[in-house]
């Protein structure tokens, strides 16, 4: 019997192989995979969490990261009041 960690590794490898195989199956599929490439913007995620009042790391509540969220993601000082900052 597999331990959960081993099952996760085995399933992850199979899923990745299936994606690669499907993308390599035809030029149409390859273009579709390339077009749907998603990039995660952590600053955008943290800005939404701060607006919603969810838990965030202390590093986003002060310093350079806070300034970046205010400048580029539409937050203001009122959004940080609920965190005591």
N, C-alpha and C. Protein backbone atom coordinates (compact mmCIF):
# COMPACT_ATOMS: atom_id res chain seq x y z
N UNK A 1 0.85 -1.18 0.00
CA UNK A 1 0.00 0.00 0.00
C UNK A 1 0.89 1.25 0.00
N UNK A 2 0.50 2.24 -0.80
CA UNK A 2 1.25 3.48 -0.89
C UNK A 2 0.95 4.39 0.28
N UNK A 3 1.94 5.11 0.69
CA UNK A 3 1.70 6.20 1.63
C UNK A 3 1.15 7.36 0.83
N UNK A 4 0.36 8.27 1.43
CA UNK A 4 -0.22 9.39 0.68
C UNK A 4 0.81 10.21 -0.10
N UNK A 5 1.98 10.41 0.47
CA UNK A 5 3.00 11.20 -0.22
C UNK A 5 3.43 10.51 -1.51
N UNK A 6 3.57 9.18 -1.46
CA UNK A 6 3.98 8.43 -2.64
C UNK A 6 2.87 8.42 -3.70
N UNK A 7 1.63 8.35 -3.27
CA UNK A 7 0.51 8.38 -4.20
C UNK A 7 0.46 9.73 -4.90
N UNK A 8 0.67 10.80 -4.15
CA UNK A 8 0.66 12.13 -4.74
C UNK A 8 1.74 12.29 -5.79
N UNK A 9 2.93 11.77 -5.51
CA UNK A 9 4.01 11.86 -6.48
C UNK A 9 3.68 11.05 -7.73
N UNK A 10 3.14 9.85 -7.55
CA UNK A 10 2.81 9.00 -8.69
C UNK A 10 1.71 9.63 -9.53
N UNK A 11 0.69 10.17 -8.88
CA UNK A 11 -0.41 10.80 -9.62
C UNK A 11 0.07 12.06 -10.31
N UNK A 12 0.91 12.85 -9.66
CA UNK A 12 1.42 14.07 -10.25
C UNK A 12 2.22 13.80 -11.51
N UNK A 13 3.03 12.76 -11.48
CA UNK A 13 3.82 12.41 -12.67
C UNK A 13 2.91 11.98 -13.81
N UNK A 14 1.87 11.20 -13.51
CA UNK A 14 0.95 10.74 -14.55
C UNK A 14 0.17 11.90 -15.15
N UNK A 15 -0.25 12.83 -14.33
CA UNK A 15 -0.99 13.99 -14.83
C UNK A 15 -0.10 14.83 -15.73
N UNK A 16 1.13 15.05 -15.29
CA UNK A 16 2.06 15.85 -16.10
C UNK A 16 2.33 15.15 -17.44
N UNK A 17 2.55 13.85 -17.40
CA UNK A 17 2.79 13.10 -18.64
C UNK A 17 1.60 13.20 -19.58
N UNK A 18 0.40 13.16 -19.03
CA UNK A 18 -0.81 13.28 -19.86
C UNK A 18 -0.88 14.66 -20.51
N UNK A 19 -0.52 15.71 -19.77
CA UNK A 19 -0.53 17.06 -20.35
C UNK A 19 0.49 17.18 -21.48
N UNK A 20 1.68 16.67 -21.23
CA UNK A 20 2.74 16.74 -22.25
C UNK A 20 2.33 15.95 -23.49
N UNK A 21 1.77 14.79 -23.26
CA UNK A 21 1.36 13.94 -24.39
C UNK A 21 0.24 14.61 -25.19
N UNK A 22 -0.71 15.22 -24.52
CA UNK A 22 -1.80 15.89 -25.22
C UNK A 22 -1.28 17.11 -26.00
N UNK A 23 -0.39 17.88 -25.39
CA UNK A 23 0.15 19.06 -26.08
C UNK A 23 0.99 18.66 -27.28
N UNK A 24 1.65 17.52 -27.20
CA UNK A 24 2.48 17.06 -28.30
C UNK A 24 1.69 16.33 -29.38
N UNK A 25 0.42 16.06 -29.12
CA UNK A 25 -0.36 15.25 -30.05
C UNK A 25 -0.69 15.97 -31.35
N UNK A 26 -0.82 17.28 -31.31
CA UNK A 26 -1.12 18.02 -32.54
C UNK A 26 -0.74 19.48 -32.37
N UNK A 27 -0.51 20.18 -33.47
CA UNK A 27 -0.19 21.61 -33.38
C UNK A 27 -1.33 22.44 -32.79
N UNK A 28 -2.56 22.01 -33.02
CA UNK A 28 -3.72 22.73 -32.48
C UNK A 28 -3.71 22.66 -30.95
N UNK A 29 -3.47 21.47 -30.42
CA UNK A 29 -3.42 21.31 -28.97
C UNK A 29 -2.26 22.09 -28.37
N UNK A 30 -1.12 22.09 -29.04
CA UNK A 30 0.04 22.83 -28.54
C UNK A 30 -0.25 24.32 -28.49
N UNK A 31 -0.92 24.87 -29.52
CA UNK A 31 -1.28 26.29 -29.51
C UNK A 31 -2.26 26.59 -28.39
N UNK A 32 -3.19 25.70 -28.14
CA UNK A 32 -4.18 25.91 -27.07
C UNK A 32 -3.50 25.94 -25.71
N UNK A 33 -2.58 25.03 -25.47
CA UNK A 33 -1.86 25.03 -24.19
C UNK A 33 -1.03 26.30 -24.04
N UNK A 34 -0.39 26.73 -25.12
CA UNK A 34 0.44 27.92 -25.05
C UNK A 34 -0.42 29.16 -24.81
N UNK A 35 -1.59 29.23 -25.43
CA UNK A 35 -2.47 30.38 -25.27
C UNK A 35 -3.05 30.47 -23.86
N UNK A 36 -3.29 29.34 -23.23
CA UNK A 36 -3.91 29.34 -21.90
C UNK A 36 -2.88 29.38 -20.78
N UNK A 37 -1.64 29.76 -21.08
CA UNK A 37 -0.60 29.83 -20.06
C UNK A 37 -0.99 30.88 -19.01
N UNK A 38 -1.04 30.47 -17.76
CA UNK A 38 -1.49 31.32 -16.67
C UNK A 38 -0.32 31.66 -15.76
N UNK A 39 -0.16 32.91 -15.45
CA UNK A 39 0.89 33.35 -14.53
C UNK A 39 0.23 33.86 -13.25
N UNK A 40 0.69 33.38 -12.13
CA UNK A 40 0.15 33.79 -10.84
C UNK A 40 0.86 35.05 -10.36
N UNK A 41 0.10 36.10 -10.09
CA UNK A 41 0.65 37.36 -9.57
C UNK A 41 0.35 37.42 -8.08
N UNK A 42 1.37 37.13 -7.26
CA UNK A 42 1.14 37.07 -5.82
C UNK A 42 0.74 38.43 -5.25
N UNK A 43 1.26 39.52 -5.83
CA UNK A 43 0.86 40.83 -5.34
C UNK A 43 -0.63 41.08 -5.57
N UNK A 44 -1.15 40.64 -6.70
CA UNK A 44 -2.56 40.78 -6.99
C UNK A 44 -3.41 39.95 -6.02
N UNK A 45 -2.94 38.75 -5.74
CA UNK A 45 -3.65 37.87 -4.80
C UNK A 45 -3.66 38.50 -3.40
N UNK A 46 -2.51 39.02 -2.96
CA UNK A 46 -2.43 39.63 -1.63
C UNK A 46 -3.25 40.90 -1.54
N UNK A 47 -3.30 41.69 -2.61
CA UNK A 47 -4.12 42.90 -2.61
C UNK A 47 -5.59 42.54 -2.43
N UNK A 48 -6.04 41.49 -3.12
CA UNK A 48 -7.44 41.06 -2.98
C UNK A 48 -7.70 40.56 -1.56
N UNK A 49 -6.74 39.82 -0.99
CA UNK A 49 -6.91 39.31 0.37
C UNK A 49 -6.97 40.46 1.38
N UNK A 50 -6.15 41.48 1.18
CA UNK A 50 -6.18 42.64 2.09
C UNK A 50 -7.51 43.37 1.97
N UNK A 51 -8.00 43.55 0.75
CA UNK A 51 -9.31 44.20 0.56
C UNK A 51 -10.42 43.42 1.23
N UNK A 52 -10.31 42.08 1.20
CA UNK A 52 -11.35 41.23 1.80
C UNK A 52 -11.16 41.03 3.30
N UNK A 53 -10.01 41.48 3.84
CA UNK A 53 -9.76 41.34 5.27
C UNK A 53 -9.25 39.97 5.67
N UNK A 54 -8.73 39.20 4.71
CA UNK A 54 -8.20 37.87 5.00
C UNK A 54 -6.80 37.96 5.59
N UNK A 55 -6.33 36.84 6.10
CA UNK A 55 -4.99 36.79 6.69
C UNK A 55 -3.92 36.92 5.61
N UNK A 56 -2.91 37.73 5.89
CA UNK A 56 -1.77 37.91 4.98
C UNK A 56 -0.49 37.94 5.79
N UNK A 57 0.61 37.76 5.13
CA UNK A 57 1.92 37.80 5.77
C UNK A 57 2.25 39.22 6.23
N UNK A 58 2.99 39.32 7.31
CA UNK A 58 3.40 40.62 7.85
C UNK A 58 4.21 41.43 6.83
N UNK A 59 4.93 40.74 5.96
CA UNK A 59 5.78 41.45 4.99
C UNK A 59 4.97 42.28 4.00
N UNK A 60 3.70 41.94 3.78
CA UNK A 60 2.85 42.72 2.88
C UNK A 60 2.19 43.90 3.59
N UNK A 61 2.35 44.00 4.90
CA UNK A 61 1.68 45.04 5.66
C UNK A 61 2.58 46.24 5.95
N UNK A 62 3.85 46.14 5.60
CA UNK A 62 4.76 47.26 5.83
C UNK A 62 5.90 47.20 4.83
N UNK A 63 6.58 48.31 4.69
CA UNK A 63 7.77 48.35 3.86
C UNK A 63 7.50 48.42 2.37
N UNK A 64 8.44 47.84 1.62
CA UNK A 64 8.42 47.92 0.17
C UNK A 64 7.20 47.22 -0.45
N UNK A 65 6.82 46.07 0.08
CA UNK A 65 5.68 45.36 -0.49
C UNK A 65 4.38 46.14 -0.27
N UNK A 66 4.24 46.76 0.89
CA UNK A 66 3.05 47.59 1.14
C UNK A 66 3.00 48.76 0.15
N UNK A 67 4.14 49.41 -0.06
CA UNK A 67 4.20 50.52 -1.00
C UNK A 67 3.84 50.08 -2.41
N UNK A 68 4.30 48.89 -2.80
CA UNK A 68 3.98 48.36 -4.13
C UNK A 68 2.48 48.07 -4.27
N UNK A 69 1.87 47.52 -3.23
CA UNK A 69 0.43 47.25 -3.27
C UNK A 69 -0.37 48.55 -3.38
N UNK A 70 0.06 49.57 -2.66
CA UNK A 70 -0.63 50.86 -2.72
C UNK A 70 -0.47 51.49 -4.10
N UNK A 71 0.73 51.43 -4.64
CA UNK A 71 1.02 52.10 -5.91
C UNK A 71 0.37 51.39 -7.11
N UNK A 72 0.45 50.07 -7.17
CA UNK A 72 0.05 49.34 -8.38
C UNK A 72 -1.26 48.58 -8.28
N UNK A 73 -1.79 48.39 -7.08
CA UNK A 73 -2.97 47.54 -6.94
C UNK A 73 -4.17 48.23 -6.31
N UNK A 74 -4.12 49.55 -6.22
CA UNK A 74 -5.29 50.31 -5.81
C UNK A 74 -5.64 50.26 -4.34
N UNK A 75 -4.71 49.88 -3.49
CA UNK A 75 -4.98 49.90 -2.06
C UNK A 75 -4.63 51.27 -1.51
N UNK A 76 -5.21 51.60 -0.36
CA UNK A 76 -4.84 52.83 0.33
C UNK A 76 -4.66 52.53 1.82
N UNK A 77 -4.31 53.54 2.58
CA UNK A 77 -4.03 53.33 4.01
C UNK A 77 -5.23 52.80 4.77
N UNK A 78 -6.44 53.11 4.32
CA UNK A 78 -7.64 52.63 5.00
C UNK A 78 -7.75 51.10 4.94
N UNK A 79 -7.22 50.49 3.88
CA UNK A 79 -7.27 49.04 3.76
C UNK A 79 -6.39 48.33 4.79
N UNK A 80 -5.38 49.02 5.29
CA UNK A 80 -4.45 48.40 6.23
C UNK A 80 -4.84 48.63 7.69
N UNK A 81 -5.86 49.46 7.95
CA UNK A 81 -6.27 49.77 9.32
C UNK A 81 -6.71 48.52 10.07
N UNK A 82 -7.42 47.62 9.39
CA UNK A 82 -7.93 46.42 10.05
C UNK A 82 -6.81 45.48 10.51
N UNK A 83 -5.58 45.70 10.01
CA UNK A 83 -4.42 44.92 10.43
C UNK A 83 -3.59 45.63 11.49
N UNK A 84 -4.03 46.80 11.91
CA UNK A 84 -3.31 47.56 12.92
C UNK A 84 -2.07 48.25 12.37
N UNK A 85 -2.04 48.48 11.09
CA UNK A 85 -0.87 49.12 10.47
C UNK A 85 -1.24 50.45 9.88
